[in-house]
């Protein structure tokens, strides 16, 4: 009886050994550092935009609460809601949702147009461009906020720095995801 079981085990080993070289050829082992990271732009941009809007919206709300700026977080919702609503607690939360949606839009735009740019500078410029569009060109005309000459210096500086850092957050995150050379160094070194 034991001979029969040993004989079956021996046959299984022979069969599995005959399959192993074919398996080895078809299945190539992946070496360390050889992984190719392909991030899909749209889901990445959506996630980045959500977190940029959520985090930086909370920071903006803090700046408003401690009176660094007189422009409420609901400034993006101003054209769609009554002025009094924007200054209420529900208006601040609605403004936060609008800022998250705006950040998603801005990150998708950045990811699809400027993702190959390296370093922090393009993101900072991107944030400054959005500040110019919102606070200088469009915002005062659609009554999202007062014109620049009617805002306090604290508000102007806070808004400028806020959008510069918000743009840096989006731009540098995208740059690190799509231009980080450390992911590709082992291939170039032949390792």
Protein backbone atom coordinates (compact mmCIF):
# COMPACT_ATOMS: atom_id res chain seq x y z
CA UNK A 1 0.00 0.00 0.00
CA UNK A 2 2.80 2.44 0.83
CA UNK A 3 4.54 1.52 -2.43
CA UNK A 4 1.43 2.47 -4.36
CA UNK A 5 1.21 5.89 -2.65
CA UNK A 6 4.93 6.52 -3.16
CA UNK A 7 4.58 5.58 -6.84
CA UNK A 8 1.71 8.07 -7.27
CA UNK A 9 3.73 10.82 -5.58
CA UNK A 10 6.70 10.08 -7.88
CA UNK A 11 4.47 10.34 -10.98
CA UNK A 12 3.04 13.68 -9.78
CA UNK A 13 6.57 15.02 -9.30
CA UNK A 14 7.54 13.94 -12.83
CA UNK A 15 4.44 15.57 -14.33
CA UNK A 16 4.96 18.81 -12.42
CA UNK A 17 8.67 18.87 -13.33
CA UNK A 18 7.81 18.54 -17.01
CA UNK A 19 5.45 21.53 -16.77
CA UNK A 20 7.84 23.75 -14.86
CA UNK A 21 10.18 24.82 -17.70
CA UNK A 22 7.22 25.86 -19.84
CA UNK A 23 5.78 27.80 -16.92
CA UNK A 24 9.10 29.48 -16.30
CA UNK A 25 9.33 30.66 -19.88
CA UNK A 26 5.79 32.01 -19.99
CA UNK A 27 5.89 33.65 -16.58
CA UNK A 28 8.71 36.15 -16.20
CA UNK A 29 9.62 37.20 -12.69
CA UNK A 30 9.47 40.88 -11.93
CA UNK A 31 12.67 42.31 -10.51
CA UNK A 32 12.81 44.95 -7.84
CA UNK A 33 12.44 48.45 -9.26
CA UNK A 34 11.09 47.13 -12.54
CA UNK A 35 7.45 48.01 -11.92
CA UNK A 36 5.86 50.38 -14.38
CA UNK A 37 3.48 52.78 -12.73
CA UNK A 38 0.77 53.99 -15.06
CA UNK A 39 -1.61 56.33 -13.30
CA UNK A 40 -4.85 57.04 -15.09
CA UNK A 41 -5.21 60.82 -15.31
CA UNK A 42 -8.95 61.24 -14.78
CA UNK A 43 -9.41 59.23 -11.54
CA UNK A 44 -6.17 60.72 -10.22
CA UNK A 45 -7.34 64.27 -10.98
CA UNK A 46 -10.73 63.65 -9.37
CA UNK A 47 -9.16 62.37 -6.19
CA UNK A 48 -6.58 65.14 -6.09
CA UNK A 49 -9.22 67.81 -6.72
CA UNK A 50 -11.46 66.47 -3.98
CA UNK A 51 -8.69 66.50 -1.39
CA UNK A 52 -7.38 69.87 -2.56
CA UNK A 53 -10.86 71.35 -2.17
CA UNK A 54 -11.53 69.63 1.13
CA UNK A 55 -8.21 70.46 2.80
CA UNK A 56 -7.71 73.94 1.39
CA UNK A 57 -11.40 74.77 1.83
CA UNK A 58 -11.02 74.03 5.54
CA UNK A 59 -7.92 76.23 5.67
CA UNK A 60 -9.78 79.02 3.86
CA UNK A 61 -12.66 78.74 6.32
CA UNK A 62 -10.15 79.04 9.16
CA UNK A 63 -8.65 82.16 7.55
CA UNK A 64 -12.14 83.67 7.34
CA UNK A 65 -13.00 82.78 10.94
CA UNK A 66 -9.81 84.35 12.32
CA UNK A 67 -10.37 87.44 10.12
CA UNK A 68 -7.40 87.12 7.77
CA UNK A 69 -9.84 87.80 4.95
CA UNK A 70 -13.25 89.44 4.64
CA UNK A 71 -14.25 87.33 1.62
CA UNK A 72 -16.33 84.34 2.81
CA UNK A 73 -15.69 80.79 1.62
CA UNK A 74 -18.98 80.93 -0.27
CA UNK A 75 -17.65 83.50 -2.74
CA UNK A 76 -17.88 80.92 -5.54
CA UNK A 77 -21.57 80.36 -4.69
CA UNK A 78 -22.33 84.10 -4.63
CA UNK A 79 -23.78 84.28 -8.18
CA UNK A 80 -26.19 81.42 -7.41
CA UNK A 81 -27.42 82.31 -3.91
CA UNK A 82 -28.54 85.41 -2.07
CA UNK A 83 -25.83 87.53 -0.50
CA UNK A 84 -27.12 86.99 3.04
CA UNK A 85 -27.09 83.20 2.59
CA UNK A 86 -23.38 83.18 1.72
CA UNK A 87 -22.56 84.66 5.14
CA UNK A 88 -24.60 82.05 7.08
CA UNK A 89 -23.22 78.73 8.35
CA UNK A 90 -25.14 76.87 5.64
CA UNK A 91 -23.62 79.30 3.13
CA UNK A 92 -20.12 78.49 4.36
CA UNK A 93 -20.77 74.76 3.96
CA UNK A 94 -22.28 75.33 0.52
CA UNK A 95 -19.26 77.44 -0.37
CA UNK A 96 -17.02 74.61 0.79
CA UNK A 97 -18.83 72.23 -1.58
CA UNK A 98 -18.48 74.76 -4.40
CA UNK A 99 -14.77 75.07 -3.63
CA UNK A 100 -14.37 71.28 -3.75
CA UNK A 101 -16.11 71.21 -7.15
CA UNK A 102 -13.94 74.10 -8.34
CA UNK A 103 -10.79 72.30 -7.15
CA UNK A 104 -11.82 69.13 -8.99
CA UNK A 105 -12.31 71.13 -12.17
CA UNK A 106 -8.97 72.91 -11.71
CA UNK A 107 -7.06 69.70 -11.01
CA UNK A 108 -8.57 67.93 -14.04
CA UNK A 109 -7.61 70.91 -16.18
CA UNK A 110 -4.05 70.94 -14.78
CA UNK A 111 -3.63 67.17 -15.08
CA UNK A 112 -4.67 67.08 -18.72
CA UNK A 113 -2.78 70.18 -19.85
CA UNK A 114 0.30 70.67 -17.66
CA UNK A 115 1.12 67.29 -16.12
CA UNK A 116 4.50 66.97 -17.88
CA UNK A 117 5.89 70.14 -16.26
CA UNK A 118 8.39 69.48 -13.48
CA UNK A 119 8.83 71.12 -10.12
CA UNK A 120 6.78 73.42 -7.92
CA UNK A 121 6.92 76.63 -10.01
CA UNK A 122 4.25 75.70 -12.62
CA UNK A 123 1.76 74.90 -9.85
CA UNK A 124 2.46 78.21 -8.11
CA UNK A 125 1.94 80.09 -11.36
CA UNK A 126 -1.26 78.09 -11.94
CA UNK A 127 -2.59 79.22 -8.55
CA UNK A 128 -1.67 82.85 -9.25
CA UNK A 129 -3.46 82.69 -12.61
CA UNK A 130 -6.61 81.42 -10.89
CA UNK A 131 -6.33 84.22 -8.32
CA UNK A 132 -6.10 86.77 -11.15
CA UNK A 133 -9.08 85.26 -12.95
CA UNK A 134 -11.27 85.07 -9.85
CA UNK A 135 -10.26 88.15 -7.86
CA UNK A 136 -9.31 90.61 -10.58
CA UNK A 137 -11.07 89.73 -13.83
CA UNK A 138 -14.31 87.83 -13.19
CA UNK A 139 -15.11 88.03 -9.48
CA UNK A 140 -15.80 91.75 -9.11
CA UNK A 141 -17.83 91.83 -12.35
CA UNK A 142 -20.23 89.08 -11.24
CA UNK A 143 -20.26 90.39 -7.65
CA UNK A 144 -18.51 87.39 -6.12
CA UNK A 145 -16.47 89.84 -4.07
CA UNK A 146 -15.69 93.54 -3.90
CA UNK A 147 -13.20 95.04 -6.35
CA UNK A 148 -9.53 94.98 -5.29
CA UNK A 149 -9.54 98.66 -4.26
CA UNK A 150 -12.38 97.98 -1.78
CA UNK A 151 -10.80 94.93 -0.12
CA UNK A 152 -8.45 95.18 2.84
CA UNK A 153 -4.73 94.58 2.33
CA UNK A 154 -4.97 91.61 4.68
CA UNK A 155 -7.61 90.05 2.44
CA UNK A 156 -5.68 90.66 -0.77
CA UNK A 157 -2.45 89.20 0.60
CA UNK A 158 -4.23 86.26 2.24
CA UNK A 159 -6.16 85.42 -0.94
CA UNK A 160 -3.05 85.71 -3.11
CA UNK A 161 -0.98 83.47 -0.82
CA UNK A 162 -3.85 81.04 -0.39
CA UNK A 163 -4.28 80.54 -4.14
CA UNK A 164 -0.51 80.34 -4.62
CA UNK A 165 -0.31 77.49 -2.08
CA UNK A 166 -3.47 75.82 -3.39
CA UNK A 167 -1.98 75.84 -6.91
CA UNK A 168 1.31 74.53 -5.53
CA UNK A 169 -0.55 71.65 -3.86
CA UNK A 170 -2.25 70.66 -7.11
CA UNK A 171 0.69 71.31 -9.42
CA UNK A 172 3.39 69.67 -7.35
CA UNK A 173 1.24 66.62 -6.60
CA UNK A 174 0.63 66.13 -10.32
CA UNK A 175 4.31 66.74 -11.12
CA UNK A 176 5.45 64.16 -8.58
CA UNK A 177 3.02 61.60 -9.94
CA UNK A 178 3.84 62.03 -13.62
CA UNK A 179 7.47 63.22 -13.75
CA UNK A 180 9.13 61.48 -10.79
CA UNK A 181 12.31 60.00 -12.24
CA UNK A 182 13.10 57.88 -9.19
CA UNK A 183 10.52 55.36 -10.40
CA UNK A 184 12.48 54.88 -13.63
CA UNK A 185 16.10 55.10 -12.38
CA UNK A 186 16.67 51.33 -11.88
CA UNK A 187 15.77 50.70 -15.53
CA UNK A 188 18.26 53.30 -16.74
CA UNK A 189 21.00 51.93 -14.47
CA UNK A 190 20.49 48.41 -15.85
CA UNK A 191 19.59 46.91 -12.48
